[in-house]
């Protein structure tokens, strides 16, 4: 059994159960629907059930550290969170919503037993644990450890946010590269 944590922060402090996650529960809404018999708009209550297909990406919390024994930068995944896009009543994009966080080491037993798609034509079977361990996914950096606990989108937007993400990635690469002398 895996403990799920509140999606509002990535500190794994507030455990939640599946029923306590707003994004997973059905939500009611009121809309006006035209009634052809009365030729008037009538207020109708609709129920929106959670659709798992709305989860379109995952957010990982990682820690990068320098391994002194192997003299390499290594990554440890601390948490994983399913993310879905949120839209307003007129279909306008309002941002991403983290549904919940799961502590990654607790998930590993399940991930080892679950087969994943292998994008390479070598016939080797991969598990989701292999996929994460070998980093067979595309990603970009959205946050770096800082005093104000700000995400990149909190202090820059658009193409500049992607440049900032690449700058952080290059900084990690240069740190490891500068340790070697040729």
N, C-alpha and C. Protein backbone atom coordinates (compact mmCIF):
# COMPACT_ATOMS: atom_id res chain seq x y z
N UNK A 1 0.84 -1.19 0.00
CA UNK A 1 0.00 0.00 0.00
C UNK A 1 0.88 1.24 0.00
N UNK A 2 0.55 2.19 -0.85
CA UNK A 2 1.32 3.42 -1.01
C UNK A 2 0.54 4.57 -0.40
N UNK A 3 1.23 5.38 0.39
CA UNK A 3 0.60 6.56 0.97
C UNK A 3 0.64 7.69 -0.04
N UNK A 4 -0.49 8.34 -0.24
CA UNK A 4 -0.58 9.50 -1.13
C UNK A 4 -0.55 10.76 -0.30
N UNK A 5 0.03 11.82 -0.88
CA UNK A 5 0.17 13.08 -0.16
C UNK A 5 -0.49 14.20 -0.94
N UNK A 6 -0.84 15.24 -0.22
CA UNK A 6 -1.53 16.40 -0.79
C UNK A 6 -0.76 16.97 -1.97
N UNK A 7 -1.47 17.32 -3.03
CA UNK A 7 -0.85 17.85 -4.23
C UNK A 7 -0.46 19.31 -4.15
N UNK A 8 -0.82 19.99 -3.06
CA UNK A 8 -0.52 21.42 -2.96
C UNK A 8 0.96 21.71 -2.73
N UNK A 9 1.68 20.79 -2.07
CA UNK A 9 3.13 20.96 -1.94
C UNK A 9 3.80 19.61 -2.12
N UNK A 10 5.10 19.65 -2.35
CA UNK A 10 5.85 18.43 -2.65
C UNK A 10 6.72 17.98 -1.48
N UNK A 11 6.28 18.24 -0.27
CA UNK A 11 7.07 17.91 0.91
C UNK A 11 6.66 16.60 1.58
N UNK A 12 5.63 15.94 1.09
CA UNK A 12 5.16 14.65 1.63
C UNK A 12 4.82 14.75 3.11
N UNK A 13 4.12 15.81 3.49
CA UNK A 13 3.77 16.03 4.89
C UNK A 13 2.31 15.71 5.21
N UNK A 14 1.40 15.97 4.27
CA UNK A 14 -0.03 15.82 4.55
C UNK A 14 -0.58 14.62 3.77
N UNK A 15 -0.74 13.47 4.45
CA UNK A 15 -1.30 12.30 3.76
C UNK A 15 -2.78 12.50 3.45
N UNK A 16 -3.21 11.96 2.31
CA UNK A 16 -4.62 12.02 1.91
C UNK A 16 -5.05 10.64 1.43
N UNK A 17 -6.35 10.40 1.47
CA UNK A 17 -6.87 9.17 0.88
C UNK A 17 -7.53 9.53 -0.45
N UNK A 18 -7.81 8.53 -1.26
CA UNK A 18 -8.35 8.79 -2.60
C UNK A 18 -9.65 9.57 -2.56
N UNK A 19 -10.48 9.33 -1.55
CA UNK A 19 -11.75 10.06 -1.46
C UNK A 19 -11.53 11.53 -1.10
N UNK A 20 -10.39 11.85 -0.51
CA UNK A 20 -10.12 13.22 -0.08
C UNK A 20 -9.45 14.08 -1.13
N UNK A 21 -9.26 13.55 -2.33
CA UNK A 21 -8.61 14.30 -3.39
C UNK A 21 -9.68 14.91 -4.29
N UNK A 22 -9.80 16.24 -4.29
CA UNK A 22 -10.89 16.89 -5.05
C UNK A 22 -10.88 16.56 -6.54
N UNK A 23 -9.70 16.48 -7.15
CA UNK A 23 -9.65 16.23 -8.60
C UNK A 23 -10.16 14.85 -8.97
N UNK A 24 -10.12 13.90 -8.03
CA UNK A 24 -10.57 12.53 -8.32
C UNK A 24 -12.05 12.32 -8.03
N UNK A 25 -12.64 13.22 -7.28
CA UNK A 25 -14.06 13.05 -6.94
C UNK A 25 -14.93 13.70 -8.01
N UNK A 26 -16.17 13.25 -8.09
CA UNK A 26 -17.08 13.84 -9.06
C UNK A 26 -17.46 15.25 -8.60
N UNK A 27 -17.59 16.14 -9.55
CA UNK A 27 -17.91 17.52 -9.24
C UNK A 27 -19.19 17.91 -9.97
N UNK A 28 -20.02 18.66 -9.28
CA UNK A 28 -21.27 19.09 -9.90
C UNK A 28 -21.12 20.53 -10.38
N UNK A 29 -21.86 20.82 -11.43
CA UNK A 29 -21.83 22.15 -12.01
C UNK A 29 -23.23 22.46 -12.55
N UNK A 30 -23.55 23.71 -12.64
CA UNK A 30 -24.85 24.13 -13.18
C UNK A 30 -24.63 24.85 -14.50
N UNK A 31 -25.38 24.45 -15.51
CA UNK A 31 -25.30 25.11 -16.81
C UNK A 31 -26.71 25.35 -17.33
N UNK A 32 -26.82 26.30 -18.22
CA UNK A 32 -28.10 26.56 -18.86
C UNK A 32 -28.19 25.72 -20.13
N UNK A 33 -29.31 25.00 -20.26
CA UNK A 33 -29.55 24.16 -21.42
C UNK A 33 -30.87 24.61 -22.05
N UNK A 34 -30.83 24.79 -23.37
CA UNK A 34 -32.03 25.23 -24.09
C UNK A 34 -33.03 24.08 -24.16
N UNK A 35 -34.28 24.37 -23.74
CA UNK A 35 -35.37 23.39 -23.80
C UNK A 35 -36.24 23.74 -25.00
N UNK A 36 -36.27 22.88 -26.04
CA UNK A 36 -37.04 23.21 -27.25
C UNK A 36 -38.55 23.20 -27.02
N UNK A 37 -39.03 22.52 -25.99
CA UNK A 37 -40.47 22.47 -25.71
C UNK A 37 -40.94 23.81 -25.16
N UNK A 38 -40.22 24.31 -24.15
CA UNK A 38 -40.61 25.59 -23.52
C UNK A 38 -39.96 26.77 -24.21
N UNK A 39 -39.01 26.50 -25.11
CA UNK A 39 -38.25 27.53 -25.81
C UNK A 39 -37.56 28.50 -24.85
N UNK A 40 -37.07 27.94 -23.75
CA UNK A 40 -36.35 28.76 -22.75
C UNK A 40 -35.09 28.01 -22.30
N UNK A 41 -34.14 28.78 -21.79
CA UNK A 41 -32.95 28.18 -21.18
C UNK A 41 -33.30 27.78 -19.76
N UNK A 42 -33.00 26.53 -19.40
CA UNK A 42 -33.28 26.03 -18.06
C UNK A 42 -31.97 25.66 -17.38
N UNK A 43 -31.89 25.97 -16.09
CA UNK A 43 -30.71 25.64 -15.31
C UNK A 43 -30.69 24.14 -15.04
N UNK A 44 -29.61 23.47 -15.45
CA UNK A 44 -29.49 22.03 -15.29
C UNK A 44 -28.22 21.71 -14.51
N UNK A 45 -28.33 20.79 -13.57
CA UNK A 45 -27.17 20.35 -12.79
C UNK A 45 -26.55 19.15 -13.48
N UNK A 46 -25.23 19.23 -13.75
CA UNK A 46 -24.52 18.11 -14.36
C UNK A 46 -23.43 17.64 -13.41
N UNK A 47 -23.07 16.37 -13.52
CA UNK A 47 -22.01 15.80 -12.70
C UNK A 47 -20.84 15.44 -13.59
N UNK A 48 -19.68 15.97 -13.27
CA UNK A 48 -18.46 15.66 -14.02
C UNK A 48 -17.66 14.62 -13.25
N UNK A 49 -17.55 13.43 -13.81
CA UNK A 49 -16.75 12.36 -13.20
C UNK A 49 -15.29 12.55 -13.60
N UNK A 50 -14.39 12.05 -12.76
CA UNK A 50 -12.97 12.11 -13.08
C UNK A 50 -12.68 11.21 -14.27
N UNK A 51 -11.94 11.74 -15.23
CA UNK A 51 -11.53 10.99 -16.41
C UNK A 51 -10.02 10.80 -16.36
N UNK A 52 -9.51 9.57 -16.21
CA UNK A 52 -8.06 9.36 -16.12
C UNK A 52 -7.31 9.82 -17.37
N UNK A 53 -8.00 9.94 -18.49
CA UNK A 53 -7.34 10.39 -19.72
C UNK A 53 -6.95 11.86 -19.65
N UNK A 54 -7.46 12.59 -18.67
CA UNK A 54 -7.08 13.99 -18.52
C UNK A 54 -5.69 14.14 -17.90
N UNK A 55 -5.16 13.06 -17.33
CA UNK A 55 -3.78 13.10 -16.81
C UNK A 55 -2.86 12.99 -18.02
N UNK A 56 -2.15 14.08 -18.32
CA UNK A 56 -1.34 14.11 -19.53
C UNK A 56 0.17 14.19 -19.27
N UNK A 57 0.56 14.29 -18.01
CA UNK A 57 1.99 14.29 -17.70
C UNK A 57 2.18 13.97 -16.23
N UNK A 58 3.42 13.73 -15.88
CA UNK A 58 3.78 13.46 -14.49
C UNK A 58 4.86 14.43 -14.07
N UNK A 59 4.82 14.81 -12.83
CA UNK A 59 5.84 15.69 -12.27
C UNK A 59 6.70 14.85 -11.34
N UNK A 60 8.02 14.99 -11.47
CA UNK A 60 8.96 14.27 -10.62
C UNK A 60 9.68 15.24 -9.70
N UNK A 61 9.88 14.83 -8.48
CA UNK A 61 10.73 15.59 -7.56
C UNK A 61 12.01 14.78 -7.44
N UNK A 62 13.12 15.42 -7.81
CA UNK A 62 14.40 14.72 -7.82
C UNK A 62 15.41 15.49 -6.99
N UNK A 63 16.42 14.76 -6.57
CA UNK A 63 17.58 15.40 -5.96
C UNK A 63 18.80 14.93 -6.73
N UNK A 64 19.58 15.91 -7.19
CA UNK A 64 20.82 15.61 -7.89
C UNK A 64 21.95 15.80 -6.89
N UNK A 65 22.86 14.85 -6.87
CA UNK A 65 23.97 14.92 -5.92
C UNK A 65 25.23 14.36 -6.57
N UNK A 66 26.37 14.76 -6.01
CA UNK A 66 27.65 14.28 -6.51
C UNK A 66 28.06 13.06 -5.71
N UNK A 67 28.25 11.93 -6.39
CA UNK A 67 28.70 10.70 -5.77
C UNK A 67 30.23 10.70 -5.77
N UNK A 68 30.82 10.83 -4.61
CA UNK A 68 32.28 10.93 -4.51
C UNK A 68 32.98 9.61 -4.84
N UNK A 69 32.30 8.49 -4.65
CA UNK A 69 32.93 7.20 -4.95
C UNK A 69 33.10 6.98 -6.45
N UNK A 70 32.11 7.39 -7.24
CA UNK A 70 32.19 7.20 -8.68
C UNK A 70 32.53 8.49 -9.42
N UNK A 71 32.61 9.59 -8.70
CA UNK A 71 32.90 10.91 -9.28
C UNK A 71 31.92 11.27 -10.39
N UNK A 72 30.66 11.03 -10.13
CA UNK A 72 29.62 11.36 -11.11
C UNK A 72 28.45 12.03 -10.42
N UNK A 73 27.71 12.80 -11.20
CA UNK A 73 26.45 13.35 -10.72
C UNK A 73 25.40 12.25 -10.85
N UNK A 74 24.62 12.07 -9.80
CA UNK A 74 23.57 11.05 -9.82
C UNK A 74 22.25 11.68 -9.41
N UNK A 75 21.19 11.04 -9.83
CA UNK A 75 19.85 11.54 -9.57
C UNK A 75 19.07 10.52 -8.77
N UNK A 76 18.36 10.99 -7.77
CA UNK A 76 17.46 10.13 -7.01
C UNK A 76 16.07 10.74 -7.10
N UNK A 77 15.11 9.94 -7.55
CA UNK A 77 13.73 10.40 -7.64
C UNK A 77 13.09 10.26 -6.27
N UNK A 78 12.55 11.36 -5.76
CA UNK A 78 11.93 11.35 -4.44
C UNK A 78 10.42 11.18 -4.51
N UNK A 79 9.80 11.76 -5.53
CA UNK A 79 8.35 11.70 -5.61
C UNK A 79 7.85 11.79 -7.03
N UNK A 80 6.63 11.35 -7.23
CA UNK A 80 6.00 11.42 -8.54
C UNK A 80 4.55 11.87 -8.34
N UNK A 81 4.08 12.72 -9.26
CA UNK A 81 2.73 13.25 -9.15
C UNK A 81 2.06 13.28 -10.52
N UNK A 82 0.85 12.72 -10.64
CA UNK A 82 0.11 12.87 -11.88
C UNK A 82 -0.41 14.31 -12.00
N UNK A 83 -0.35 14.84 -13.22
CA UNK A 83 -0.75 16.23 -13.46
C UNK A 83 -1.79 16.26 -14.57
N UNK A 84 -2.83 17.05 -14.36
CA UNK A 84 -3.83 17.23 -15.41
C UNK A 84 -4.02 18.72 -15.68
N UNK A 85 -4.48 19.01 -16.89
CA UNK A 85 -4.72 20.40 -17.26
C UNK A 85 -6.10 20.81 -16.76
N UNK A 86 -6.20 22.04 -16.27
CA UNK A 86 -7.48 22.55 -15.79
C UNK A 86 -7.99 23.59 -16.78
N UNK A 87 -9.29 23.47 -17.10
CA UNK A 87 -9.92 24.41 -18.03
C UNK A 87 -11.11 25.07 -17.35
N UNK A 88 -11.35 26.33 -17.71
CA UNK A 88 -12.48 27.07 -17.16
C UNK A 88 -13.77 26.68 -17.84
N UNK A 89 -14.85 27.32 -17.43
CA UNK A 89 -16.17 26.96 -17.96
C UNK A 89 -16.32 27.29 -19.44
N UNK A 90 -15.48 28.19 -19.98
CA UNK A 90 -15.55 28.52 -21.39
C UNK A 90 -14.46 27.82 -22.19
N UNK A 91 -13.78 26.85 -21.57
CA UNK A 91 -12.75 26.08 -22.26
C UNK A 91 -11.38 26.73 -22.28
N UNK A 92 -11.19 27.80 -21.51
CA UNK A 92 -9.89 28.46 -21.49
C UNK A 92 -8.96 27.74 -20.51
N UNK A 93 -7.71 27.57 -20.94
CA UNK A 93 -6.71 26.86 -20.13
C UNK A 93 -6.36 27.69 -18.90
N UNK A 94 -6.45 27.07 -17.71
CA UNK A 94 -6.17 27.78 -16.46
C UNK A 94 -4.91 27.31 -15.77
N UNK A 95 -4.26 26.29 -16.29
CA UNK A 95 -3.02 25.82 -15.68
C UNK A 95 -3.06 24.34 -15.37
N UNK A 96 -1.94 23.85 -14.84
CA UNK A 96 -1.83 22.44 -14.47
C UNK A 96 -2.22 22.24 -13.02
N UNK A 97 -2.82 21.10 -12.74
CA UNK A 97 -3.23 20.75 -11.38
C UNK A 97 -2.53 19.45 -10.99
N UNK A 98 -1.75 19.49 -9.91
CA UNK A 98 -1.14 18.28 -9.37
C UNK A 98 -2.20 17.56 -8.56
N UNK A 99 -2.51 16.33 -8.92
CA UNK A 99 -3.60 15.60 -8.26
C UNK A 99 -3.17 15.14 -6.87
N UNK A 100 -2.02 14.49 -6.78
CA UNK A 100 -1.46 14.07 -5.50
C UNK A 100 0.01 13.75 -5.71
N UNK A 101 0.74 13.61 -4.63
CA UNK A 101 2.14 13.18 -4.67
C UNK A 101 2.24 11.79 -4.08
N UNK A 102 3.11 10.97 -4.64
CA UNK A 102 3.42 9.65 -4.07
C UNK A 102 4.92 9.59 -3.84
N UNK A 103 5.33 9.08 -2.69
CA UNK A 103 6.74 8.95 -2.37
C UNK A 103 7.31 7.82 -3.23
N UNK A 104 8.28 8.15 -4.09
CA UNK A 104 8.76 7.22 -5.11
C UNK A 104 9.33 5.92 -4.54
N UNK A 105 10.18 5.95 -3.49
CA UNK A 105 10.69 4.67 -2.96
C UNK A 105 9.58 3.71 -2.52
N UNK A 106 8.45 4.24 -2.07
CA UNK A 106 7.33 3.37 -1.69
C UNK A 106 6.66 2.74 -2.92
N UNK A 107 6.78 3.39 -4.07
CA UNK A 107 6.15 2.91 -5.30
C UNK A 107 6.96 1.86 -6.03
N UNK A 108 8.24 1.75 -5.70
CA UNK A 108 9.14 0.91 -6.50
C UNK A 108 8.70 -0.54 -6.59
N UNK A 109 8.16 -1.09 -5.52
CA UNK A 109 7.72 -2.48 -5.56
C UNK A 109 6.64 -2.68 -6.62
N UNK A 110 5.74 -1.72 -6.75
CA UNK A 110 4.70 -1.79 -7.77
C UNK A 110 5.28 -1.55 -9.16
N UNK A 111 6.19 -0.58 -9.28
CA UNK A 111 6.77 -0.24 -10.58
C UNK A 111 7.60 -1.39 -11.15
N UNK A 112 8.27 -2.15 -10.29
CA UNK A 112 9.08 -3.29 -10.74
C UNK A 112 8.20 -4.37 -11.36
N UNK A 113 6.97 -4.48 -10.91
CA UNK A 113 6.07 -5.53 -11.38
C UNK A 113 5.22 -5.11 -12.58
N UNK A 114 5.30 -3.84 -12.97
CA UNK A 114 4.46 -3.33 -14.05
C UNK A 114 5.28 -3.11 -15.31
N UNK A 115 4.90 -3.79 -16.39
CA UNK A 115 5.64 -3.69 -17.64
C UNK A 115 5.35 -2.37 -18.34
N UNK A 116 6.39 -1.80 -18.93
CA UNK A 116 6.28 -0.53 -19.65
C UNK A 116 6.58 -0.75 -21.13
N UNK A 117 6.16 0.17 -21.94
CA UNK A 117 6.44 0.13 -23.38
C UNK A 117 7.92 0.39 -23.61
N UNK A 118 8.56 -0.45 -24.43
CA UNK A 118 9.97 -0.27 -24.77
C UNK A 118 10.04 0.42 -26.13
N UNK A 119 10.57 1.66 -26.18
CA UNK A 119 10.61 2.39 -27.45
C UNK A 119 11.69 1.89 -28.40
N UNK A 120 12.55 0.99 -27.94
CA UNK A 120 13.66 0.51 -28.76
C UNK A 120 13.32 -0.88 -29.32
N UNK A 121 13.71 -1.13 -30.57
CA UNK A 121 13.36 -2.42 -31.19
C UNK A 121 14.34 -3.54 -30.82
N UNK A 122 14.68 -3.66 -29.55
CA UNK A 122 15.65 -4.69 -29.15
C UNK A 122 14.99 -5.87 -28.46
N UNK A 123 13.68 -5.84 -28.27
CA UNK A 123 12.96 -6.96 -27.69
C UNK A 123 13.12 -7.13 -26.19
N UNK A 124 13.81 -6.23 -25.53
CA UNK A 124 14.00 -6.33 -24.08
C UNK A 124 12.75 -5.81 -23.38
N UNK A 125 12.30 -6.56 -22.39
CA UNK A 125 11.14 -6.12 -21.61
C UNK A 125 11.59 -5.13 -20.55
N UNK A 126 10.86 -4.04 -20.46
CA UNK A 126 11.17 -3.00 -19.48
C UNK A 126 10.03 -2.89 -18.47
N UNK A 127 10.38 -2.61 -17.24
CA UNK A 127 9.37 -2.27 -16.24
C UNK A 127 9.38 -0.76 -16.07
N UNK A 128 8.38 -0.23 -15.39
CA UNK A 128 8.36 1.21 -15.15
C UNK A 128 9.53 1.63 -14.26
N UNK A 129 9.99 0.74 -13.38
CA UNK A 129 11.16 1.05 -12.57
C UNK A 129 12.39 1.21 -13.46
N UNK A 130 12.54 0.34 -14.46
CA UNK A 130 13.65 0.46 -15.42
C UNK A 130 13.55 1.78 -16.18
N UNK A 131 12.35 2.11 -16.60
CA UNK A 131 12.12 3.33 -17.37
C UNK A 131 12.59 4.57 -16.60
N UNK A 132 12.26 4.62 -15.30
CA UNK A 132 12.69 5.77 -14.49
C UNK A 132 14.17 5.69 -14.16
N UNK A 133 14.69 4.50 -13.86
CA UNK A 133 16.10 4.36 -13.49
C UNK A 133 17.01 4.71 -14.67
N UNK A 134 16.61 4.33 -15.89
CA UNK A 134 17.42 4.63 -17.07
C UNK A 134 17.06 5.98 -17.68
N UNK A 135 16.11 6.68 -17.07
CA UNK A 135 15.68 8.00 -17.52
C UNK A 135 15.24 8.00 -18.99
N UNK A 136 14.38 7.04 -19.34
CA UNK A 136 13.88 6.93 -20.70
C UNK A 136 12.61 7.75 -20.87
N UNK A 137 12.71 9.01 -20.53
CA UNK A 137 11.57 9.92 -20.66
C UNK A 137 12.12 11.30 -20.97
N UNK A 138 11.31 12.12 -21.58
CA UNK A 138 11.73 13.50 -21.84
C UNK A 138 11.24 14.36 -20.68
N UNK A 139 12.01 15.39 -20.39
CA UNK A 139 11.65 16.23 -19.25
C UNK A 139 12.25 17.62 -19.41
N UNK A 140 11.78 18.50 -18.58
CA UNK A 140 12.37 19.82 -18.46
C UNK A 140 12.26 20.25 -17.00
N UNK A 141 13.15 21.13 -16.60
CA UNK A 141 13.22 21.56 -15.20
C UNK A 141 12.21 22.66 -14.97
N UNK A 142 11.40 22.53 -13.90
CA UNK A 142 10.42 23.56 -13.58
C UNK A 142 10.74 24.27 -12.27
N UNK A 143 11.69 23.72 -11.51
CA UNK A 143 12.00 24.33 -10.21
C UNK A 143 13.40 23.93 -9.79
N UNK A 144 14.08 24.86 -9.14
CA UNK A 144 15.39 24.62 -8.56
C UNK A 144 15.30 25.04 -7.10
N UNK A 145 16.04 24.36 -6.24
CA UNK A 145 16.03 24.70 -4.83
C UNK A 145 16.48 26.16 -4.66
N UNK A 146 15.66 26.97 -3.98
CA UNK A 146 16.01 28.36 -3.74
C UNK A 146 15.38 28.84 -2.44
N UNK A 147 15.83 29.98 -1.97
CA UNK A 147 15.41 30.51 -0.68
C UNK A 147 13.91 30.77 -0.63
N UNK A 148 13.36 31.34 -1.70
CA UNK A 148 11.94 31.70 -1.72
C UNK A 148 11.03 30.56 -2.15
N UNK A 149 11.60 29.39 -2.47
CA UNK A 149 10.83 28.23 -2.90
C UNK A 149 9.98 28.55 -4.13
N UNK A 150 10.57 29.30 -5.07
CA UNK A 150 9.86 29.71 -6.29
C UNK A 150 10.11 28.72 -7.42
N UNK A 151 9.07 28.49 -8.22
CA UNK A 151 9.22 27.74 -9.45
C UNK A 151 9.72 28.71 -10.52
N UNK A 152 10.24 28.19 -11.61
CA UNK A 152 10.73 29.04 -12.69
C UNK A 152 9.60 29.92 -13.22
N UNK A 153 8.39 29.38 -13.35
CA UNK A 153 7.27 30.16 -13.88
C UNK A 153 6.87 31.30 -12.95
N UNK A 154 7.33 31.27 -11.70
CA UNK A 154 6.99 32.35 -10.77
C UNK A 154 7.84 33.60 -10.99
N UNK A 155 9.00 33.45 -11.65
CA UNK A 155 9.82 34.63 -11.87
C UNK A 155 10.17 34.89 -13.33
N UNK A 156 9.76 34.02 -14.24
CA UNK A 156 9.91 34.29 -15.66
C UNK A 156 8.89 33.45 -16.43
N UNK A 157 8.58 33.85 -17.65
CA UNK A 157 7.55 33.14 -18.41
C UNK A 157 8.00 32.90 -19.84
N UNK A 158 7.21 32.11 -20.55
CA UNK A 158 7.42 31.88 -21.98
C UNK A 158 8.75 31.25 -22.30
N UNK A 159 9.36 31.74 -23.37
CA UNK A 159 10.62 31.19 -23.84
C UNK A 159 11.74 31.40 -22.82
N UNK A 160 11.63 32.48 -22.03
CA UNK A 160 12.65 32.72 -21.00
C UNK A 160 12.63 31.64 -19.93
N UNK A 161 11.47 31.06 -19.66
CA UNK A 161 11.39 29.96 -18.69
C UNK A 161 12.13 28.74 -19.23
N UNK A 162 12.01 28.48 -20.53
CA UNK A 162 12.74 27.36 -21.12
C UNK A 162 14.24 27.62 -21.11
N UNK A 163 14.64 28.86 -21.37
CA UNK A 163 16.07 29.21 -21.30
C UNK A 163 16.60 29.02 -19.88
N UNK A 164 15.82 29.40 -18.89
CA UNK A 164 16.23 29.24 -17.50
C UNK A 164 16.36 27.76 -17.15
N UNK A 165 15.44 26.95 -17.64
CA UNK A 165 15.50 25.51 -17.42
C UNK A 165 16.77 24.92 -18.03
N UNK A 166 17.09 25.34 -19.24
CA UNK A 166 18.31 24.87 -19.89
C UNK A 166 19.56 25.37 -19.18
N UNK A 167 19.52 26.59 -18.64
CA UNK A 167 20.66 27.12 -17.90
C UNK A 167 20.94 26.26 -16.67
N UNK A 168 19.90 25.86 -15.96
CA UNK A 168 20.06 25.02 -14.77
C UNK A 168 20.62 23.65 -15.17
N UNK A 169 20.10 23.10 -16.27
CA UNK A 169 20.59 21.80 -16.74
C UNK A 169 22.07 21.89 -17.12
N UNK A 170 22.44 22.98 -17.78
CA UNK A 170 23.84 23.18 -18.17
C UNK A 170 24.74 23.37 -16.95
N UNK A 171 24.22 24.03 -15.93
CA UNK A 171 24.96 24.22 -14.68
C UNK A 171 25.28 22.87 -14.03
N UNK A 172 24.32 21.96 -14.01
CA UNK A 172 24.55 20.61 -13.49
C UNK A 172 25.61 19.88 -14.31
N UNK A 173 25.50 19.99 -15.63
CA UNK A 173 26.47 19.34 -16.51
C UNK A 173 27.87 19.90 -16.28
N UNK A 174 27.99 21.22 -16.22
CA UNK A 174 29.30 21.85 -16.03
C UNK A 174 29.91 21.51 -14.68
N UNK A 175 29.09 21.39 -13.65
CA UNK A 175 29.61 21.01 -12.34
C UNK A 175 30.32 19.67 -12.41
N UNK A 176 29.67 18.68 -13.04
CA UNK A 176 30.29 17.37 -13.16
C UNK A 176 31.49 17.41 -14.09
N UNK A 177 31.36 18.13 -15.19
CA UNK A 177 32.44 18.18 -16.19
C UNK A 177 33.68 18.87 -15.64
N UNK A 178 33.52 19.90 -14.83
CA UNK A 178 34.66 20.64 -14.30
C UNK A 178 35.45 19.86 -13.25
N UNK A 179 34.91 18.75 -12.77
CA UNK A 179 35.63 17.94 -11.80
C UNK A 179 36.73 17.11 -12.45
N UNK A 180 36.64 16.95 -13.75
CA UNK A 180 37.61 16.14 -14.46
C UNK A 180 38.67 17.04 -15.09
N UNK A 181 39.91 16.59 -15.08
CA UNK A 181 40.97 17.33 -15.78
C UNK A 181 41.60 16.40 -16.80
N UNK A 182 41.87 16.95 -17.97
CA UNK A 182 42.39 16.12 -19.07
C UNK A 182 43.81 16.50 -19.39
